[in-house]
Amino acid sequence: MADVDLKDARIAPFGAEVAELKVLLSKALGRVAELERQLGQNSSNSSKPPSSDGPGVQRPPKKPTGRKP
């Protein structure tokens, strides 16, 4: 039984550290999700101007207006 008590005494301090690391991981994962959402935005799915799109971004073709050229 003394071995079990000794192990518990050595493991106990890590419980608070594990809980703190879980909180930090949760915050970091939330931040990553937010940054990935922002990274997926461009002028066609946000209020950004087309000039903010990176180079090589294909824009959808313009729809015909019905006017004669």
N, C-alpha and C. Protein backbone atom coordinates (compact mmCIF):
# COMPACT_ATOMS: atom_id res chain seq x y z
N MET A 1 0.80 -1.20 0.00
CA MET A 1 0.00 0.00 0.00
C MET A 1 0.84 1.26 0.00
N ALA A 2 2.01 1.18 0.56
CA ALA A 2 2.88 2.35 0.63
C ALA A 2 3.30 2.78 -0.77
N ASP A 3 3.45 1.80 -1.69
CA ASP A 3 3.82 2.13 -3.06
C ASP A 3 2.70 2.93 -3.75
N VAL A 4 1.46 2.56 -3.50
CA VAL A 4 0.32 3.25 -4.09
C VAL A 4 0.25 4.68 -3.56
N ASP A 5 0.43 4.87 -2.28
CA ASP A 5 0.41 6.21 -1.68
C ASP A 5 1.53 7.07 -2.24
N LEU A 6 2.70 6.48 -2.44
CA LEU A 6 3.84 7.21 -2.97
C LEU A 6 3.57 7.64 -4.42
N LYS A 7 2.98 6.75 -5.20
CA LYS A 7 2.64 7.08 -6.59
C LYS A 7 1.60 8.19 -6.64
N ASP A 8 0.59 8.08 -5.79
CA ASP A 8 -0.45 9.12 -5.75
C ASP A 8 0.14 10.46 -5.37
N ALA A 9 1.08 10.46 -4.46
CA ALA A 9 1.71 11.70 -4.02
C ALA A 9 2.52 12.33 -5.15
N ARG A 10 3.12 11.50 -6.00
CA ARG A 10 3.90 12.04 -7.12
C ARG A 10 3.01 12.48 -8.28
N ILE A 11 1.87 11.85 -8.44
CA ILE A 11 0.97 12.16 -9.56
C ILE A 11 0.08 13.37 -9.26
N ALA A 12 -0.30 13.58 -8.03
CA ALA A 12 -1.26 14.61 -7.64
C ALA A 12 -0.92 16.01 -8.16
N PRO A 13 0.31 16.47 -8.07
CA PRO A 13 0.59 17.83 -8.56
C PRO A 13 0.34 18.03 -10.05
N PHE A 14 0.35 16.97 -10.81
CA PHE A 14 0.17 17.10 -12.25
C PHE A 14 -1.30 17.28 -12.65
N GLY A 15 -2.21 17.00 -11.75
CA GLY A 15 -3.64 17.13 -12.06
C GLY A 15 -4.01 18.56 -12.43
N ALA A 16 -3.54 19.53 -11.65
CA ALA A 16 -3.84 20.94 -11.94
C ALA A 16 -3.18 21.37 -13.25
N GLU A 17 -1.98 20.89 -13.49
CA GLU A 17 -1.28 21.24 -14.73
C GLU A 17 -2.01 20.68 -15.95
N VAL A 18 -2.51 19.47 -15.84
CA VAL A 18 -3.27 18.87 -16.94
C VAL A 18 -4.54 19.66 -17.21
N ALA A 19 -5.22 20.07 -16.16
CA ALA A 19 -6.44 20.86 -16.31
C ALA A 19 -6.14 22.19 -16.99
N GLU A 20 -5.04 22.83 -16.58
CA GLU A 20 -4.65 24.10 -17.19
C GLU A 20 -4.30 23.92 -18.66
N LEU A 21 -3.61 22.83 -18.97
CA LEU A 21 -3.25 22.58 -20.37
C LEU A 21 -4.48 22.28 -21.23
N LYS A 22 -5.48 21.64 -20.65
CA LYS A 22 -6.73 21.40 -21.39
C LYS A 22 -7.42 22.71 -21.75
N VAL A 23 -7.41 23.66 -20.81
CA VAL A 23 -8.02 24.97 -21.06
C VAL A 23 -7.25 25.69 -22.16
N LEU A 24 -5.92 25.68 -22.08
CA LEU A 24 -5.09 26.33 -23.10
C LEU A 24 -5.30 25.70 -24.47
N LEU A 25 -5.40 24.37 -24.51
CA LEU A 25 -5.62 23.68 -25.78
C LEU A 25 -6.97 24.05 -26.37
N SER A 26 -7.98 24.14 -25.54
CA SER A 26 -9.31 24.50 -26.01
C SER A 26 -9.30 25.91 -26.61
N LYS A 27 -8.63 26.85 -25.94
CA LYS A 27 -8.53 28.21 -26.46
C LYS A 27 -7.76 28.24 -27.78
N ALA A 28 -6.67 27.48 -27.86
CA ALA A 28 -5.86 27.46 -29.08
C ALA A 28 -6.64 26.87 -30.25
N LEU A 29 -7.39 25.82 -30.00
CA LEU A 29 -8.20 25.21 -31.07
C LEU A 29 -9.28 26.17 -31.54
N GLY A 30 -9.87 26.92 -30.64
CA GLY A 30 -10.86 27.92 -31.03
C GLY A 30 -10.23 29.01 -31.89
N ARG A 31 -9.04 29.44 -31.52
CA ARG A 31 -8.33 30.47 -32.29
C ARG A 31 -7.97 29.96 -33.68
N VAL A 32 -7.52 28.72 -33.77
CA VAL A 32 -7.19 28.13 -35.07
C VAL A 32 -8.42 28.07 -35.95
N ALA A 33 -9.55 27.67 -35.38
CA ALA A 33 -10.79 27.59 -36.16
C ALA A 33 -11.18 28.97 -36.69
N GLU A 34 -11.04 29.99 -35.85
CA GLU A 34 -11.37 31.36 -36.28
C GLU A 34 -10.44 31.82 -37.39
N LEU A 35 -9.16 31.55 -37.26
CA LEU A 35 -8.20 31.97 -38.29
C LEU A 35 -8.43 31.21 -39.60
N GLU A 36 -8.79 29.94 -39.52
CA GLU A 36 -9.09 29.18 -40.74
C GLU A 36 -10.33 29.73 -41.42
N ARG A 37 -11.32 30.15 -40.63
CA ARG A 37 -12.53 30.75 -41.21
C ARG A 37 -12.17 32.05 -41.93
N GLN A 38 -11.33 32.87 -41.31
CA GLN A 38 -10.92 34.13 -41.93
C GLN A 38 -10.10 33.87 -43.18
N LEU A 39 -9.28 32.86 -43.16
CA LEU A 39 -8.43 32.54 -44.30
C LEU A 39 -9.26 32.13 -45.52
N GLY A 40 -10.42 31.54 -45.28
CA GLY A 40 -11.27 31.09 -46.37
C GLY A 40 -12.11 32.19 -46.99
N GLN A 41 -12.01 33.41 -46.48
CA GLN A 41 -12.82 34.49 -47.02
C GLN A 41 -12.14 35.15 -48.21
N ASN A 42 -12.97 35.61 -49.15
CA ASN A 42 -12.49 36.40 -50.28
C ASN A 42 -13.59 37.39 -50.64
N SER A 43 -13.43 38.08 -51.73
CA SER A 43 -14.39 39.13 -52.07
C SER A 43 -15.77 38.58 -52.45
N SER A 44 -15.84 37.30 -52.83
CA SER A 44 -17.14 36.77 -53.23
C SER A 44 -17.96 36.26 -52.05
N ASN A 45 -17.33 35.99 -50.90
CA ASN A 45 -18.11 35.51 -49.76
C ASN A 45 -17.94 36.39 -48.52
N SER A 46 -17.51 37.63 -48.72
CA SER A 46 -17.39 38.57 -47.61
C SER A 46 -17.57 39.98 -48.15
N SER A 47 -17.41 40.95 -47.30
CA SER A 47 -17.57 42.34 -47.74
C SER A 47 -16.25 42.95 -48.18
N LYS A 48 -15.24 42.11 -48.40
CA LYS A 48 -13.94 42.62 -48.85
C LYS A 48 -14.02 43.06 -50.32
N PRO A 49 -13.25 44.08 -50.69
CA PRO A 49 -13.22 44.48 -52.10
C PRO A 49 -12.42 43.47 -52.93
N PRO A 50 -12.67 43.38 -54.22
CA PRO A 50 -11.94 42.43 -55.06
C PRO A 50 -10.42 42.67 -55.06
N SER A 51 -10.01 43.90 -54.80
CA SER A 51 -8.58 44.17 -54.79
C SER A 51 -7.87 43.49 -53.62
N SER A 52 -8.62 43.03 -52.62
CA SER A 52 -8.00 42.37 -51.48
C SER A 52 -7.74 40.89 -51.75
N ASP A 53 -8.29 40.35 -52.84
CA ASP A 53 -8.03 38.96 -53.20
C ASP A 53 -6.57 38.81 -53.61
N GLY A 54 -6.01 37.68 -53.32
CA GLY A 54 -4.62 37.43 -53.68
C GLY A 54 -4.46 37.25 -55.17
N PRO A 55 -3.21 37.22 -55.63
CA PRO A 55 -2.96 37.01 -57.06
C PRO A 55 -3.39 35.60 -57.49
N GLY A 56 -3.87 35.49 -58.69
CA GLY A 56 -4.26 34.18 -59.22
C GLY A 56 -5.65 33.73 -58.82
N VAL A 57 -6.40 34.56 -58.15
CA VAL A 57 -7.76 34.18 -57.75
C VAL A 57 -8.67 34.35 -58.95
N GLN A 58 -9.37 33.28 -59.29
CA GLN A 58 -10.28 33.32 -60.43
C GLN A 58 -11.61 33.92 -59.98
N ARG A 59 -12.05 34.93 -60.66
CA ARG A 59 -13.36 35.52 -60.36
C ARG A 59 -14.41 34.86 -61.24
N PRO A 60 -15.62 34.78 -60.75
CA PRO A 60 -16.67 34.19 -61.59
C PRO A 60 -16.95 35.10 -62.78
N PRO A 61 -17.30 34.52 -63.91
CA PRO A 61 -17.57 35.35 -65.10
C PRO A 61 -18.80 36.23 -64.86
N LYS A 62 -18.79 37.39 -65.52
CA LYS A 62 -19.90 38.32 -65.38
C LYS A 62 -21.12 37.75 -66.11
N LYS A 63 -22.28 38.01 -65.54
CA LYS A 63 -23.53 37.56 -66.15
C LYS A 63 -23.92 38.57 -67.22
N PRO A 64 -24.46 38.10 -68.33
CA PRO A 64 -24.89 39.04 -69.37
C PRO A 64 -26.06 39.89 -68.87
N THR A 65 -26.05 41.16 -69.23
CA THR A 65 -27.07 42.09 -68.77
C THR A 65 -28.27 42.14 -69.72
N GLY A 66 -28.11 41.65 -70.93
CA GLY A 66 -29.18 41.71 -71.90
C GLY A 66 -29.07 42.93 -72.81
N ARG A 67 -28.14 43.81 -72.51
CA ARG A 67 -27.95 45.01 -73.34
C ARG A 67 -27.15 44.66 -74.57
N LYS A 68 -27.37 45.41 -75.63
CA LYS A 68 -26.57 45.22 -76.84
C LYS A 68 -25.21 45.90 -76.63
N PRO A 69 -24.17 45.29 -77.10
CA PRO A 69 -22.83 45.88 -76.93
C PRO A 69 -22.65 47.15 -77.73
